[in-house]
Amino acid sequence: MIQSSRKSSIFSLSNSKAFLIIGVLITFFMSVNLVKAIQENRQVQQGIDKLQLQLSDLNKQNQNLNTTLDYTKTDLFVEEEARNRLNLKKTDEIVVSLPPDKVAIREQSSAEYKAIQDRSQQPNPRKWFDYFFAGSTNSSSSTTN
């Protein structure tokens, strides 16, 4: 009889509304915690992915720096730097230097050549327009040279 009263009290407790409400609340809180844990896990995984990308970029940069370092240790690099920065030459080499104004004239003439090429590719109506209306600025600049 005592066992049957215990069974009936446990059975009635499990069928009560209070037990149902407590069970729903526990399930709700566990679900909320589960969703938070999943979100945190996703954020951590995204952070790991970003860090792995940074690591691969840094490894590439490190490899490039090692390649540059290896190149700077070669005789070819030392010779090139001696020529460019220290103005040194080999014993059997003849150095030719041009005056700076000749270089400037050469650069100016190449710019003029480029301008002439650009004008020759323009359509005829544009050339006539430039001749009559914009020609005064072009002719004055070409007469000063």
C-alpha atoms as a PDB file:
ATOM      1  CA  MET A   1       0.000   0.000   0.000  1.00  0.00           C
ATOM      2  CA  ILE A   2       2.861   2.349   0.735  1.00  0.00           C
ATOM      3  CA  GLN A   3       4.394   1.547  -2.634  1.00  0.00           C
ATOM      4  CA  SER A   4       1.159   2.146  -4.453  1.00  0.00           C
ATOM      5  CA  SER A   5       0.741   5.511  -2.705  1.00  0.00           C
ATOM      6  CA  ARG A   6       4.309   6.436  -3.724  1.00  0.00           C
ATOM      7  CA  LYS A   7       3.613   5.381  -7.296  1.00  0.00           C
ATOM      8  CA  SER A   8       0.407   7.348  -7.369  1.00  0.00           C
ATOM      9  CA  SER A   9       2.106  10.411  -5.839  1.00  0.00           C
ATOM     10  CA  ILE A  10       4.984  10.236  -8.387  1.00  0.00           C
ATOM     11  CA  PHE A  11       2.478   9.640 -11.173  1.00  0.00           C
ATOM     12  CA  SER A  12       0.297  12.523 -10.047  1.00  0.00           C
ATOM     13  CA  LEU A  13       3.397  14.746  -9.669  1.00  0.00           C
ATOM     14  CA  SER A  14       4.499  13.990 -13.224  1.00  0.00           C
ATOM     15  CA  ASN A  15       0.992  14.749 -14.505  1.00  0.00           C
ATOM     16  CA  SER A  16       0.678  18.047 -12.636  1.00  0.00           C
ATOM     17  CA  LYS A  17       0.804  21.455 -14.317  1.00  0.00           C
ATOM     18  CA  ALA A  18       3.663  22.626 -12.089  1.00  0.00           C
ATOM     19  CA  PHE A  19       5.876  19.787 -13.296  1.00  0.00           C
ATOM     20  CA  LEU A  20       5.021  20.642 -16.901  1.00  0.00           C
ATOM     21  CA  ILE A  21       5.818  24.337 -16.400  1.00  0.00           C
ATOM     22  CA  ILE A  22       9.120  23.546 -14.683  1.00  0.00           C
ATOM     23  CA  GLY A  23      10.027  21.160 -17.515  1.00  0.00           C
ATOM     24  CA  VAL A  24       9.209  23.776 -20.168  1.00  0.00           C
ATOM     25  CA  LEU A  25      11.266  26.424 -18.355  1.00  0.00           C
ATOM     26  CA  ILE A  26      14.252  24.104 -18.026  1.00  0.00           C
ATOM     27  CA  THR A  27      13.987  23.202 -21.723  1.00  0.00           C
ATOM     28  CA  PHE A  28      13.722  26.894 -22.639  1.00  0.00           C
ATOM     29  CA  PHE A  29      16.811  27.882 -20.670  1.00  0.00           C
ATOM     30  CA  MET A  30      18.777  24.960 -22.071  1.00  0.00           C
ATOM     31  CA  SER A  31      17.745  25.955 -25.601  1.00  0.00           C
ATOM     32  CA  VAL A  32      18.796  29.565 -25.028  1.00  0.00           C
ATOM     33  CA  ASN A  33      22.179  28.430 -23.721  1.00  0.00           C
ATOM     34  CA  LEU A  34      22.560  26.062 -26.667  1.00  0.00           C
ATOM     35  CA  VAL A  35      21.850  28.852 -29.175  1.00  0.00           C
ATOM     36  CA  LYS A  36      24.367  31.141 -27.411  1.00  0.00           C
ATOM     37  CA  ALA A  37      26.988  28.402 -27.475  1.00  0.00           C
ATOM     38  CA  ILE A  38      26.400  27.809 -31.188  1.00  0.00           C
ATOM     39  CA  GLN A  39      26.727  31.554 -31.926  1.00  0.00           C
ATOM     40  CA  GLU A  40      29.925  31.815 -29.911  1.00  0.00           C
ATOM     41  CA  ASN A  41      31.301  28.759 -31.677  1.00  0.00           C
ATOM     42  CA  ARG A  42      30.501  30.316 -35.063  1.00  0.00           C
ATOM     43  CA  GLN A  43      32.188  33.597 -34.066  1.00  0.00           C
ATOM     44  CA  VAL A  44      35.256  31.770 -32.814  1.00  0.00           C
ATOM     45  CA  GLN A  45      35.423  29.783 -36.062  1.00  0.00           C
ATOM     46  CA  GLN A  46      35.203  32.999 -38.106  1.00  0.00           C
ATOM     47  CA  GLY A  47      38.014  34.484 -36.012  1.00  0.00           C
ATOM     48  CA  ILE A  48      40.106  31.368 -36.609  1.00  0.00           C
ATOM     49  CA  ASP A  49      39.473  31.615 -40.363  1.00  0.00           C
ATOM     50  CA  LYS A  50      40.552  35.276 -40.395  1.00  0.00           C
ATOM     51  CA  LEU A  51      43.690  34.462 -38.437  1.00  0.00           C
ATOM     52  CA  GLN A  52      44.515  31.602 -40.809  1.00  0.00           C
ATOM     53  CA  LEU A  53      44.204  33.998 -43.761  1.00  0.00           C
ATOM     54  CA  GLN A  54      46.498  36.450 -42.010  1.00  0.00           C
ATOM     55  CA  LEU A  55      48.924  33.634 -41.314  1.00  0.00           C
ATOM     56  CA  SER A  56      49.007  32.592 -44.956  1.00  0.00           C
ATOM     57  CA  ASP A  57      49.531  36.233 -46.027  1.00  0.00           C
ATOM     58  CA  LEU A  58      52.347  36.613 -43.515  1.00  0.00           C
ATOM     59  CA  ASN A  59      53.922  33.372 -44.725  1.00  0.00           C
ATOM     60  CA  LYS A  60      53.846  34.663 -48.310  1.00  0.00           C
ATOM     61  CA  GLN A  61      55.336  37.966 -47.200  1.00  0.00           C
ATOM     62  CA  ASN A  62      58.001  36.109 -45.224  1.00  0.00           C
ATOM     63  CA  GLN A  63      58.833  33.994 -48.268  1.00  0.00           C
ATOM     64  CA  ASN A  64      59.142  37.134 -50.423  1.00  0.00           C
ATOM     65  CA  LEU A  65      61.403  38.757 -47.836  1.00  0.00           C
ATOM     66  CA  ASN A  66      63.561  35.634 -47.659  1.00  0.00           C
ATOM     67  CA  THR A  67      63.847  35.646 -51.454  1.00  0.00           C
ATOM     68  CA  THR A  68      64.852  39.308 -51.378  1.00  0.00           C
ATOM     69  CA  LEU A  69      67.361  38.619 -48.620  1.00  0.00           C
ATOM     70  CA  ASP A  70      68.867  35.757 -50.595  1.00  0.00           C
ATOM     71  CA  TYR A  71      69.150  38.046 -53.640  1.00  0.00           C
ATOM     72  CA  THR A  72      70.876  40.762 -51.620  1.00  0.00           C
ATOM     73  CA  LYS A  73      73.520  38.236 -50.585  1.00  0.00           C
ATOM     74  CA  THR A  74      74.491  37.519 -54.216  1.00  0.00           C
ATOM     75  CA  ASP A  75      77.429  39.086 -56.052  1.00  0.00           C
ATOM     76  CA  LEU A  76      75.078  40.321 -58.769  1.00  0.00           C
ATOM     77  CA  PHE A  77      73.214  42.508 -56.286  1.00  0.00           C
ATOM     78  CA  VAL A  78      76.433  43.879 -54.796  1.00  0.00           C
ATOM     79  CA  GLU A  79      77.712  44.761 -58.272  1.00  0.00           C
ATOM     80  CA  GLU A  80      74.424  46.397 -59.240  1.00  0.00           C
ATOM     81  CA  GLU A  81      74.358  48.502 -56.073  1.00  0.00           C
ATOM     82  CA  ALA A  82      77.989  49.531 -56.569  1.00  0.00           C
ATOM     83  CA  ARG A  83      77.150  50.712 -60.082  1.00  0.00           C
ATOM     84  CA  ASN A  84      73.926  52.535 -59.212  1.00  0.00           C
ATOM     85  CA  ARG A  85      74.640  54.030 -55.813  1.00  0.00           C
ATOM     86  CA  LEU A  86      78.412  54.388 -55.716  1.00  0.00           C
ATOM     87  CA  ASN A  87      78.975  55.094 -59.438  1.00  0.00           C
ATOM     88  CA  LEU A  88      81.638  52.403 -59.676  1.00  0.00           C
ATOM     89  CA  LYS A  89      82.554  50.546 -62.848  1.00  0.00           C
ATOM     90  CA  LYS A  90      84.372  47.423 -63.899  1.00  0.00           C
ATOM     91  CA  THR A  91      88.034  47.724 -64.847  1.00  0.00           C
ATOM     92  CA  ASP A  92      87.459  47.077 -68.567  1.00  0.00           C
ATOM     93  CA  GLU A  93      84.274  49.141 -68.809  1.00  0.00           C
ATOM     94  CA  ILE A  94      83.866  52.549 -70.445  1.00  0.00           C
ATOM     95  CA  VAL A  95      81.281  54.884 -68.919  1.00  0.00           C
ATOM     96  CA  VAL A  96      79.393  57.320 -71.125  1.00  0.00           C
ATOM     97  CA  SER A  97      77.374  60.114 -69.572  1.00  0.00           C
ATOM     98  CA  LEU A  98      75.125  62.516 -71.412  1.00  0.00           C
ATOM     99  CA  PRO A  99      74.578  66.110 -70.382  1.00  0.00           C
ATOM    100  CA  PRO A 100      71.293  66.541 -68.551  1.00  0.00           C
ATOM    101  CA  ASP A 101      69.899  69.124 -70.995  1.00  0.00           C
ATOM    102  CA  LYS A 102      70.203  66.644 -73.911  1.00  0.00           C
ATOM    103  CA  VAL A 103      68.176  64.132 -71.944  1.00  0.00           C
ATOM    104  CA  ALA A 104      65.511  66.769 -71.263  1.00  0.00           C
ATOM    105  CA  ILE A 105      65.350  67.661 -74.963  1.00  0.00           C
ATOM    106  CA  ARG A 106      65.007  64.005 -75.832  1.00  0.00           C
ATOM    107  CA  GLU A 107      62.163  63.604 -73.316  1.00  0.00           C
ATOM    108  CA  GLN A 108      60.459  66.747 -74.630  1.00  0.00           C
ATOM    109  CA  SER A 109      60.705  65.602 -78.225  1.00  0.00           C
ATOM    110  CA  SER A 110      59.210  62.230 -77.330  1.00  0.00           C
ATOM    111  CA  ALA A 111      56.310  64.031 -75.614  1.00  0.00           C
ATOM    112  CA  GLU A 112      55.772  66.168 -78.731  1.00  0.00           C
ATOM    113  CA  TYR A 113      55.875  63.064 -80.901  1.00  0.00           C
ATOM    114  CA  LYS A 114      53.237  61.483 -78.706  1.00  0.00           C
ATOM    115  CA  ALA A 115      51.037  64.595 -78.988  1.00  0.00           C
ATOM    116  CA  ILE A 116      51.353  64.547 -82.786  1.00  0.00           C
ATOM    117  CA  GLN A 117      50.386  60.886 -82.848  1.00  0.00           C
ATOM    118  CA  ASP A 118      47.350  61.613 -80.675  1.00  0.00           C
ATOM    119  CA  ARG A 119      46.280  64.441 -83.000  1.00  0.00           C
ATOM    120  CA  SER A 120      46.696  62.264 -86.088  1.00  0.00           C
ATOM    121  CA  GLN A 121      44.280  59.724 -84.645  1.00  0.00           C
ATOM    122  CA  GLN A 122      41.556  62.327 -84.092  1.00  0.00           C
ATOM    123  CA  PRO A 123      38.682  62.608 -86.593  1.00  0.00           C
ATOM    124  CA  ASN A 124      38.848  65.396 -89.192  1.00  0.00           C
ATOM    125  CA  PRO A 125      36.074  67.614 -87.723  1.00  0.00           C
ATOM    126  CA  ARG A 126      37.906  67.622 -84.394  1.00  0.00           C
ATOM    127  CA  LYS A 127      41.156  68.612 -86.113  1.00  0.00           C
ATOM    128  CA  TRP A 128      39.428  71.546 -87.850  1.00  0.00           C
ATOM    129  CA  PHE A 129      37.817  72.632 -84.582  1.00  0.00           C
ATOM    130  CA  ASP A 130      41.196  72.543 -82.857  1.00  0.00           C
ATOM    131  CA  TYR A 131      42.780  74.436 -85.748  1.00  0.00           C
ATOM    132  CA  PHE A 132      40.330  77.338 -85.635  1.00  0.00           C
ATOM    133  CA  PHE A 133      39.349  77.550 -81.966  1.00  0.00           C
ATOM    134  CA  ALA A 134      42.022  75.851 -79.900  1.00  0.00           C
ATOM    135  CA  GLY A 135      44.817  76.388 -82.407  1.00  0.00           C
ATOM    136  CA  SER A 136      45.925  79.665 -80.889  1.00  0.00           C
ATOM    137  CA  THR A 137      47.009  77.930 -77.653  1.00  0.00           C
ATOM    138  CA  ASN A 138      48.745  75.099 -79.545  1.00  0.00           C
ATOM    139  CA  SER A 139      50.552  77.410 -81.988  1.00  0.00           C
ATOM    140  CA  SER A 140      51.858  79.686 -79.243  1.00  0.00           C
ATOM    141  CA  SER A 141      53.267  76.736 -77.302  1.00  0.00           C
ATOM    142  CA  SER A 142      54.917  75.285 -80.404  1.00  0.00           C
ATOM    143  CA  THR A 143      56.528  78.622 -81.395  1.00  0.00           C
ATOM    144  CA  THR A 144      58.141  79.047 -77.977  1.00  0.00           C
ATOM    145  CA  ASN A 145      60.017  75.751 -78.330  1.00  0.00           C
END
